[in-house]
Amino acid sequence: MTYTRLKTKTTVSNYDILTNKILQKEAVIGVIGMGYVGLPLAMEFVSEGFQVIGVDLDVGKVETLSRGKSHIIDIPEVVIGEALKNQRFQATVDYQKLANANIISICVPTPLTKSHEPDMSYINDTVSRLKSVIQKGTLLVLESTTYPGTTRDLIYAEFEKEGWTTGEDLFICFSPERIDPGNKQFKPREVPKVVGGMTKKCSALGQLYYENAFDTVIPVSTPEIAEMTKLLENTFRSINIAFINEMSLLAEQLGIDLWEAIDAAKTKPFGFMPFYPGPGVGGHCIPLDPMYLYWKGKEKNFFSRFIDLAQQVNTSMPKHVVEIVGKSLNKQGKSLSQSRILIVGMAYKSDIDDVRESPALHVYEYLKEGNAKLTVLDPFVPSFRDASGDTVYTVSEIADLEAYDGVIIMTKHSTINYDQILATSPCIIDTRNVWKEQHAHVHKIGQA
């Protein structure tokens, strides 16, 4: 008797296919949003040998990148040029190019509305565009900071409606960005990467993906945990900064130098973490992130008093700085409207060109309302837009300090000659503790 061997057809799963592509570095990566988060992420994967498609709807930004130029201070132009030369990177406004991507990271803005509620329009628009482009077997990761439940409600649910099965047809994760512009101490890959997937297979692929560009990957059980992680980190900072800002106001009333007290307190090797007062909070995280959590809590009729109070204290600091300016000028017999003021630093932190949510913007507007004659010095920020939408051009070098009635140190850039300011300016308001020693003509927040 003759037996015929039956051939069985083996179907390789989308999970196995993508796993192999990641391991072989054959996966094509799409990054949506070529800003402070997306571009560094794209370049990390390019440096690891992956092909990356960078998508952004800003035509000017895409054209800049396509010429090998960088608009992000932490990404040197040589890095962009090398990526283009090796044909590992292309920038485009065309979402259709993502049809070739095996992995897509979403790094779009998540701002707040004027009423301080989450603006999800960028995420919603991205998901809408991806529905007609994305291929089965793709890993889709949201990195934009947002409230817990966003990945599940705005991405997972939307694709499930279209008939996709998460964990088989599509793999969905959330991984919070932890970019700190201008940070020279930690390279992006040295900062642990948190990732939470909709299913175990989603999480496994997310972890495998990020292990190529980050030294440490921290898997968590759900996207909501990963979303909460990011908000917890920055809400912690917001509340502690607000506490120390409030202490600076108290110290001024008590005649105590808070900066010296902080230096003494941080000598304790346990139980104390130093935070420092300032003119307010700025950047893409601390002023915004806590409000996502606050808003989400209100859905459950839970009102976070710590978050609310911290926002009140931190947003009041720019006005307090202007009050110090007014009092300091009055001691010289001058009013704000009669004075020429030099604002030193418009960026929200040292040695970067980022003015997003910078407290210096608010100080500028308050002083303008007081009819002060203003000049802004910032070697990193050539121009910025004021509240009216007008472009204000800055100066990059110190000149004619004697012509100013007051100087406000808003940002401590390493390239500025502060000794020259100290020696020449008759009235200085120091919001960054540039000079630890006391000087009669230097008026510091957190100090009598």
Protein backbone atom coordinates (compact mmCIF):
# COMPACT_ATOMS: atom_id res chain seq x y z
CA MET A 1 0.00 0.00 0.00
CA THR A 2 1.31 3.44 -0.91
CA TYR A 3 0.85 6.35 1.50
CA THR A 4 0.73 9.94 0.31
CA ARG A 5 2.22 12.53 2.70
CA LEU A 6 -0.18 15.44 3.16
CA LYS A 7 1.49 18.84 3.05
CA THR A 8 0.33 21.20 5.80
CA LYS A 9 0.49 24.91 5.14
CA THR A 10 2.08 26.85 8.00
CA THR A 11 0.99 30.45 8.42
CA VAL A 12 3.55 32.75 9.97
CA SER A 13 1.89 35.28 12.28
CA ASN A 14 2.24 39.05 11.95
CA TYR A 15 3.88 38.99 15.38
CA ASP A 16 6.59 36.57 14.24
CA ILE A 17 7.18 38.48 11.01
CA LEU A 18 7.64 41.81 12.79
CA THR A 19 9.76 40.25 15.51
CA ASN A 20 12.14 38.91 12.90
CA LYS A 21 12.26 42.24 11.04
CA ILE A 22 13.18 44.10 14.23
CA LEU A 23 15.85 41.56 15.15
CA GLN A 24 17.35 41.77 11.64
CA LYS A 25 17.01 45.58 11.64
CA GLU A 26 14.93 45.31 8.49
CA ALA A 27 11.89 47.04 10.00
CA VAL A 28 11.10 50.41 8.44
CA ILE A 29 10.27 52.97 11.11
CA GLY A 30 7.93 55.91 10.66
CA VAL A 31 8.05 58.82 13.10
CA ILE A 32 5.17 61.29 12.95
CA GLY A 33 6.18 64.70 14.24
CA MET A 34 9.69 66.06 13.62
CA GLY A 35 9.89 68.22 16.72
CA TYR A 36 11.86 68.06 19.98
CA VAL A 37 10.68 64.47 20.57
CA GLY A 38 10.32 62.96 17.11
CA LEU A 39 13.54 64.08 15.48
CA PRO A 40 15.88 62.85 18.25
CA LEU A 41 13.98 59.54 18.30
CA ALA A 42 14.33 59.20 14.53
CA MET A 43 18.07 59.88 14.66
CA GLU A 44 18.59 57.31 17.43
CA PHE A 45 17.10 54.58 15.22
CA VAL A 46 18.99 55.81 12.16
CA SER A 47 22.22 55.51 14.14
CA GLU A 48 21.30 51.89 14.91
CA GLY A 49 20.99 51.03 11.22
CA PHE A 50 17.22 51.32 10.70
CA GLN A 51 15.55 53.11 7.82
CA VAL A 52 13.35 55.92 9.12
CA ILE A 53 10.60 57.97 7.49
CA GLY A 54 9.98 61.27 9.27
CA VAL A 55 6.55 62.77 8.69
CA ASP A 56 5.53 66.32 9.52
CA LEU A 57 2.82 68.56 8.07
CA ASP A 58 5.06 71.62 8.46
CA VAL A 59 6.42 72.06 4.93
CA GLY A 60 9.19 74.40 6.09
CA LYS A 61 10.41 71.91 8.66
CA VAL A 62 10.47 69.09 6.12
CA GLU A 63 12.33 71.21 3.57
CA THR A 64 14.88 72.18 6.21
CA LEU A 65 15.52 68.55 7.11
CA SER A 66 15.68 67.52 3.45
CA ARG A 67 18.50 70.03 2.96
CA GLY A 68 20.42 68.44 5.81
CA LYS A 69 19.72 71.28 8.23
CA SER A 70 18.60 70.81 11.83
CA HIS A 71 15.99 72.92 13.64
CA ILE A 72 16.59 71.13 16.95
CA ILE A 73 19.51 72.38 19.04
CA ASP A 74 20.38 68.89 20.35
CA ILE A 75 20.66 67.40 16.84
CA PRO A 76 23.78 68.59 14.96
CA GLU A 77 23.42 69.15 11.22
CA VAL A 78 26.15 66.61 10.58
CA VAL A 79 23.84 63.93 12.02
CA ILE A 80 21.03 64.87 9.62
CA GLY A 81 23.46 65.09 6.71
CA GLU A 82 24.91 61.67 7.43
CA ALA A 83 21.44 60.13 7.72
CA LEU A 84 20.46 61.54 4.32
CA LYS A 85 23.76 60.54 2.73
CA ASN A 86 23.35 56.94 3.88
CA GLN A 87 19.73 56.97 2.64
CA ARG A 88 18.54 55.90 6.07
CA PHE A 89 16.29 58.91 6.57
CA GLN A 90 13.76 60.86 4.58
CA ALA A 91 11.50 63.69 5.69
CA THR A 92 8.11 64.10 4.08
CA VAL A 93 4.66 65.65 4.47
CA ASP A 94 3.11 62.65 2.72
CA TYR A 95 1.43 60.15 5.05
CA GLN A 96 1.19 57.69 2.18
CA LYS A 97 4.91 57.02 2.59
CA LEU A 98 4.03 55.31 5.87
CA ALA A 99 2.46 52.45 3.91
CA ASN A 100 6.00 51.07 3.83
CA ALA A 101 6.50 51.38 7.60
CA ASN A 102 6.47 48.37 9.91
CA ILE A 103 6.62 50.50 13.07
CA ILE A 104 5.12 53.96 13.57
CA SER A 105 5.84 56.25 16.51
CA ILE A 106 3.43 59.15 17.01
CA CYS A 107 5.16 62.22 18.46
CA VAL A 108 2.65 64.99 17.78
CA PRO A 109 1.82 67.96 20.04
CA THR A 110 -0.75 67.61 22.80
CA PRO A 111 -1.33 71.20 23.94
CA LEU A 112 -3.99 72.57 26.23
CA THR A 113 -6.94 74.66 25.10
CA LYS A 114 -7.48 78.18 26.44
CA SER A 115 -9.69 76.64 29.12
CA HIS A 116 -6.81 74.32 30.16
CA GLU A 117 -8.37 71.16 28.77
CA PRO A 118 -6.49 68.60 26.64
CA ASP A 119 -6.41 69.36 22.92
CA MET A 120 -6.46 65.96 21.23
CA SER A 121 -6.89 67.31 17.71
CA TYR A 122 -3.36 66.36 16.60
CA ILE A 123 -3.76 62.76 17.77
CA ASN A 124 -7.22 62.49 16.24
CA ASP A 125 -5.99 63.87 12.93
CA THR A 126 -3.03 61.48 12.92
CA VAL A 127 -5.22 58.43 13.58
CA SER A 128 -7.64 59.52 10.86
CA ARG A 129 -4.81 59.81 8.33
CA LEU A 130 -3.27 56.48 9.36
CA LYS A 131 -6.47 54.49 8.87
CA SER A 132 -6.08 54.56 5.09
CA VAL A 133 -2.32 54.01 5.13
CA ILE A 134 -1.28 51.60 7.86
CA GLN A 135 -0.64 47.98 6.91
CA LYS A 136 -1.51 44.85 8.87
CA GLY A 137 1.26 43.70 11.16
CA THR A 138 2.34 47.24 12.12
CA LEU A 139 3.45 48.28 15.59
CA LEU A 140 1.89 51.64 16.47
CA VAL A 141 3.28 53.55 19.46
CA LEU A 142 2.00 56.82 20.90
CA GLU A 143 4.69 58.92 22.62
CA SER A 144 2.83 62.22 23.02
CA THR A 145 2.16 63.15 26.64
CA THR A 146 -1.51 62.74 27.46
CA TYR A 147 -4.07 61.62 30.03
CA PRO A 148 -4.52 57.96 31.07
CA GLY A 149 -6.88 56.24 28.66
CA THR A 150 -5.89 58.12 25.49
CA THR A 151 -4.21 55.17 23.79
CA ARG A 152 -7.15 52.91 24.54
CA ASP A 153 -9.90 55.41 23.64
CA LEU A 154 -8.44 57.29 20.68
CA ILE A 155 -6.25 54.68 19.00
CA TYR A 156 -7.18 51.13 20.05
CA ALA A 157 -10.94 51.76 19.94
CA GLU A 158 -10.73 53.53 16.58
CA PHE A 159 -8.91 50.68 14.87
CA GLU A 160 -11.12 48.07 16.52
CA LYS A 161 -14.11 49.86 14.97
CA GLU A 162 -12.46 49.38 11.59
CA GLY A 163 -12.28 45.63 12.16
CA TRP A 164 -8.64 45.36 13.23
CA THR A 165 -7.75 42.84 15.94
CA THR A 166 -5.17 44.29 18.31
CA GLY A 167 -2.43 41.80 19.10
CA GLU A 168 -2.88 40.04 15.74
CA ASP A 169 -3.46 42.57 12.95
CA LEU A 170 -2.07 45.59 14.76
CA PHE A 171 0.13 46.09 17.80
CA ILE A 172 -0.50 49.18 19.95
CA CYS A 173 1.61 50.64 22.78
CA PHE A 174 2.15 53.83 24.71
CA SER A 175 5.69 54.92 25.58
CA PRO A 176 6.11 58.36 27.18
CA GLU A 177 8.81 60.62 25.81
CA ARG A 178 11.38 61.75 28.37
CA ILE A 179 13.24 64.31 26.28
CA ASP A 180 15.00 67.07 28.24
CA PRO A 181 16.22 69.68 25.72
CA GLY A 182 19.77 70.83 26.35
CA ASN A 183 20.57 68.10 28.89
CA LYS A 184 24.29 67.35 28.56
CA GLN A 185 24.39 64.85 31.43
CA PHE A 186 22.17 62.17 29.93
CA LYS A 187 22.07 61.14 26.29
CA PRO A 188 18.57 60.16 25.07
CA ARG A 189 19.45 56.46 24.97
CA GLU A 190 20.65 56.54 28.59
CA VAL A 191 17.22 57.54 29.90
CA PRO A 192 15.16 54.38 30.61
CA LYS A 193 12.22 53.92 28.23
CA VAL A 194 8.84 52.94 29.70
CA VAL A 195 6.43 51.04 27.44
CA GLY A 196 2.97 49.57 27.99
CA GLY A 197 1.04 47.58 25.37
CA MET A 198 -2.61 46.73 24.81
CA THR A 199 -1.74 43.00 24.85
CA LYS A 200 1.25 40.92 25.89
CA LYS A 201 2.36 40.64 22.27
CA CYS A 202 2.05 44.40 21.86
CA SER A 203 4.23 44.95 24.94
CA ALA A 204 6.80 42.39 23.79
CA LEU A 205 7.15 44.05 20.39
CA GLY A 206 7.31 47.51 21.96
CA GLN A 207 10.08 46.37 24.27
CA LEU A 208 12.00 44.71 21.44
CA TYR A 209 11.64 47.85 19.31
CA TYR A 210 12.99 50.26 21.93
CA GLU A 211 15.82 47.98 23.04
CA ASN A 212 17.54 48.95 19.79
CA ALA A 213 17.77 52.62 20.75
CA PHE A 214 17.67 52.68 24.57
CA ASP A 215 19.98 51.07 27.09
CA THR A 216 17.12 50.19 29.44
CA VAL A 217 13.48 49.46 28.63
CA ILE A 218 10.91 49.27 31.44
CA PRO A 219 7.79 47.28 30.47
CA VAL A 220 4.58 48.04 32.38
CA SER A 221 1.30 46.18 32.36
CA THR A 222 -0.94 48.60 30.45
CA PRO A 223 -0.81 51.78 28.35
CA GLU A 224 -2.62 53.57 31.18
CA ILE A 225 0.27 52.81 33.56
CA ALA A 226 2.74 54.19 31.02
CA GLU A 227 0.58 57.29 30.49
CA MET A 228 0.31 57.83 34.24
CA THR A 229 4.07 57.41 34.67
CA LYS A 230 4.80 60.47 32.57
CA LEU A 231 2.20 62.61 34.33
CA LEU A 232 3.38 61.44 37.74
CA GLU A 233 6.97 62.46 36.97
CA ASN A 234 6.12 65.99 35.90
CA THR A 235 3.33 66.61 38.40
CA PHE A 236 5.82 65.71 41.13
CA ARG A 237 8.17 68.36 39.77
CA SER A 238 5.42 70.96 39.37
CA ILE A 239 4.23 70.57 42.95
CA ASN A 240 7.73 70.67 44.43
CA ILE A 241 8.70 73.71 42.37
CA ALA A 242 5.50 75.42 43.53
CA PHE A 243 6.38 74.60 47.14
CA ILE A 244 9.84 76.13 46.86
CA ASN A 245 8.45 79.14 45.00
CA GLU A 246 6.03 79.72 47.84
CA MET A 247 8.90 79.35 50.31
CA SER A 248 10.79 82.02 48.36
CA LEU A 249 7.89 84.41 48.87
CA LEU A 250 7.90 83.62 52.59
CA ALA A 251 11.69 84.02 52.81
CA GLU A 252 11.43 87.49 51.30
CA GLN A 253 8.98 88.46 54.04
CA LEU A 254 11.15 86.93 56.78
CA GLY A 255 14.37 88.50 55.56
CA ILE A 256 15.99 85.12 54.92
CA ASP A 257 18.17 84.04 51.99
CA LEU A 258 16.33 80.91 50.82
CA TRP A 259 19.13 79.94 48.41
CA GLU A 260 21.58 79.60 51.30
CA ALA A 261 19.01 77.61 53.29
CA ILE A 262 18.54 75.20 50.36
CA ASP A 263 22.30 74.71 50.05
CA ALA A 264 22.45 73.87 53.74
CA ALA A 265 19.44 71.53 53.62
CA LYS A 266 20.79 69.50 50.70
CA THR A 267 23.84 68.48 52.74
CA LYS A 268 21.54 65.98 54.44
CA PRO A 269 22.19 62.65 52.67
CA PHE A 270 18.60 61.44 52.98
CA GLY A 271 15.07 62.80 53.23
CA PHE A 272 15.60 65.96 51.19
CA MET A 273 15.66 66.67 47.46
CA PRO A 274 16.65 70.20 46.40
CA PHE A 275 14.30 72.23 44.22
CA TYR A 276 14.96 75.87 43.42
CA PRO A 277 12.73 78.92 43.10
CA GLY A 278 12.44 80.75 39.82
CA PRO A 279 10.32 83.14 37.76
CA GLY A 280 7.81 80.41 36.89
CA VAL A 281 7.84 77.15 34.96
CA GLY A 282 8.23 76.66 31.23
CA GLY A 283 8.76 74.08 28.54
CA HIS A 284 6.62 71.41 26.97
CA CYS A 285 6.00 69.39 30.14
CA ILE A 286 5.74 70.94 33.59
CA PRO A 287 3.27 73.76 32.81
CA LEU A 288 0.98 71.40 30.87
CA ASP A 289 1.22 67.79 32.02
CA PRO A 290 -0.35 68.18 35.49
CA MET A 291 -3.45 69.67 33.87
CA TYR A 292 -4.05 66.47 31.88
CA LEU A 293 -4.23 64.63 35.19
CA TYR A 294 -6.36 67.34 36.77
CA TRP A 295 -8.79 67.23 33.83
CA LYS A 296 -9.02 63.43 33.92
CA GLY A 297 -9.69 63.52 37.64
CA LYS A 298 -12.61 65.90 37.13
CA GLU A 299 -14.26 63.24 34.95
CA LYS A 300 -14.47 61.11 38.10
CA ASN A 301 -15.55 64.09 40.21
CA PHE A 302 -12.09 64.13 41.80
CA PHE A 303 -10.40 67.49 42.18
CA SER A 304 -6.67 67.50 42.87
CA ARG A 305 -6.01 70.39 45.21
CA PHE A 306 -2.24 69.92 45.03
CA ILE A 307 -2.21 70.27 41.24
CA ASP A 308 -4.53 73.26 41.32
CA LEU A 309 -2.55 75.07 44.01
CA ALA A 310 0.77 74.33 42.29
CA GLN A 311 -0.54 75.83 39.05
CA GLN A 312 -1.68 78.94 40.91
CA VAL A 313 1.67 79.46 42.62
CA ASN A 314 3.83 78.80 39.56
CA THR A 315 1.77 80.94 37.20
CA SER A 316 1.86 83.84 39.69
CA MET A 317 5.66 84.03 39.72
CA PRO A 318 6.15 86.14 36.55
CA LYS A 319 3.91 88.84 38.02
CA HIS A 320 5.89 88.67 41.26
CA VAL A 321 9.10 89.22 39.29
CA VAL A 322 7.60 92.35 37.74
CA GLU A 323 6.58 93.56 41.20
CA ILE A 324 10.21 93.22 42.32
CA VAL A 325 11.28 95.18 39.23
CA GLY A 326 8.83 97.97 40.06
CA LYS A 327 9.94 98.19 43.70
CA SER A 328 13.63 98.17 42.74
CA LEU A 329 13.12 100.97 40.22
CA ASN A 330 11.08 103.00 42.70
CA LYS A 331 14.02 102.96 45.10
CA GLN A 332 15.94 104.79 42.37
CA GLY A 333 13.12 107.29 41.95
CA LYS A 334 12.03 105.80 38.59
CA SER A 335 8.76 104.39 37.37
CA LEU A 336 8.33 101.43 35.08
CA SER A 337 7.00 103.59 32.26
CA GLN A 338 10.08 105.81 32.43
CA SER A 339 12.57 102.96 32.40
CA ARG A 340 14.57 101.04 29.85
CA ILE A 341 14.70 97.37 30.79
CA LEU A 342 16.98 94.62 29.48
CA ILE A 343 15.55 91.12 29.80
CA VAL A 344 18.37 88.56 29.77
CA GLY A 345 17.08 85.23 28.46
CA MET A 346 13.81 84.36 26.73
CA ALA A 347 14.31 80.55 26.58
CA TYR A 348 12.65 78.64 29.39
CA LYS A 349 15.95 77.05 30.50
CA SER A 350 19.70 77.40 30.06
CA ASP A 351 21.49 77.03 26.75
CA ILE A 352 18.52 76.08 24.56
CA ASP A 353 16.40 77.93 22.00
CA ASP A 354 13.01 76.71 23.26
CA VAL A 355 10.59 79.41 24.41
CA ARG A 356 7.50 77.21 24.83
CA GLU A 357 5.55 78.36 27.90
CA SER A 358 8.61 80.33 29.05
CA PRO A 359 7.90 82.56 32.08
CA ALA A 360 9.99 85.23 30.34
CA LEU A 361 7.19 85.60 27.80
CA HIS A 362 4.79 86.56 30.58
CA VAL A 363 7.28 88.92 32.22
CA TYR A 364 7.75 90.58 28.83
CA GLU A 365 4.00 91.10 28.44
CA TYR A 366 3.56 92.50 31.97
CA LEU A 367 6.40 94.95 31.43
CA LYS A 368 5.01 95.95 28.05
CA GLU A 369 1.64 96.65 29.69
CA GLY A 370 3.54 98.93 32.10
CA ASN A 371 4.94 100.84 29.09
CA ALA A 372 8.55 99.95 29.87
CA LYS A 373 11.00 100.26 26.99
CA LEU A 374 12.18 96.68 26.46
CA THR A 375 15.16 94.94 24.92
CA VAL A 376 15.71 91.18 25.07
CA LEU A 377 19.16 89.60 25.10
CA ASP A 378 19.29 85.91 24.19
CA PRO A 379 22.11 84.39 22.10
CA PHE A 380 20.03 81.22 21.58
CA VAL A 381 16.70 82.81 20.63
CA PRO A 382 16.98 85.24 17.70
CA SER A 383 13.27 86.10 17.80
CA PHE A 384 9.97 85.17 19.41
CA ARG A 385 6.29 86.03 19.03
CA ASP A 386 4.60 88.17 21.64
CA ALA A 387 1.00 87.79 22.82
CA SER A 388 -0.24 89.83 19.86
CA GLY A 389 1.49 87.51 17.42
CA ASP A 390 4.09 90.11 16.46
CA THR A 391 7.69 89.02 15.95
CA VAL A 392 10.13 90.47 18.49
CA TYR A 393 13.82 90.33 17.58
CA THR A 394 16.40 89.90 20.31
CA VAL A 395 20.04 90.92 20.56
CA SER A 396 22.75 88.30 20.91
CA GLU A 397 25.51 90.34 22.56
CA ILE A 398 25.73 92.69 25.51
CA ALA A 399 26.04 96.35 24.53
CA ASP A 400 25.41 99.73 26.18
CA LEU A 401 24.51 98.33 29.58
CA GLU A 402 24.74 101.84 31.01
CA ALA A 403 21.69 102.79 28.96
CA TYR A 404 19.39 100.48 30.91
CA ASP A 405 17.71 101.38 34.18
CA GLY A 406 17.24 97.73 35.07
CA VAL A 407 18.36 94.26 34.00
CA ILE A 408 16.29 91.12 34.66
CA ILE A 409 18.09 87.76 34.60
CA MET A 410 15.41 85.33 33.39
CA THR A 411 17.61 82.57 31.96
CA LYS A 412 21.14 81.64 32.98
CA HIS A 413 22.88 81.02 29.64
CA SER A 414 26.50 79.90 29.93
CA THR A 415 27.64 82.21 27.10
CA ILE A 416 26.63 85.47 28.78
CA ASN A 417 29.18 87.62 30.61
CA TYR A 418 27.42 88.11 33.94
CA ASP A 419 30.45 89.79 35.51
CA GLN A 420 30.05 92.58 32.95
CA ILE A 421 26.38 92.94 33.86
CA LEU A 422 27.22 93.02 37.58
CA ALA A 423 29.88 95.68 37.12
CA THR A 424 27.87 97.95 34.82
CA SER A 425 24.15 97.69 35.58
CA PRO A 426 22.74 99.96 38.30
CA CYS A 427 19.79 97.67 39.10
CA ILE A 428 19.63 93.90 38.59
CA ILE A 429 16.78 91.48 39.31
CA ASP A 430 18.22 87.97 39.58
CA THR A 431 15.68 85.15 39.27
CA ARG A 432 18.27 82.39 38.79
CA ASN A 433 20.76 82.88 41.65
CA VAL A 434 23.53 83.90 39.26
CA TRP A 435 25.37 85.59 42.13
CA LYS A 436 25.39 83.71 45.41
CA GLU A 437 26.98 86.57 47.30
CA GLN A 438 24.88 89.62 48.10
CA HIS A 439 25.24 92.91 46.23
CA ALA A 440 23.38 96.10 47.05
CA HIS A 441 22.15 96.60 43.49
CA VAL A 442 21.14 92.94 42.94
CA HIS A 443 17.59 92.06 43.97
CA LYS A 444 16.94 88.33 44.12
CA ILE A 445 13.77 86.29 44.45
CA GLY A 446 13.82 84.25 47.64
CA GLN A 447 15.97 86.86 49.36
CA ALA A 448 15.08 89.94 51.37
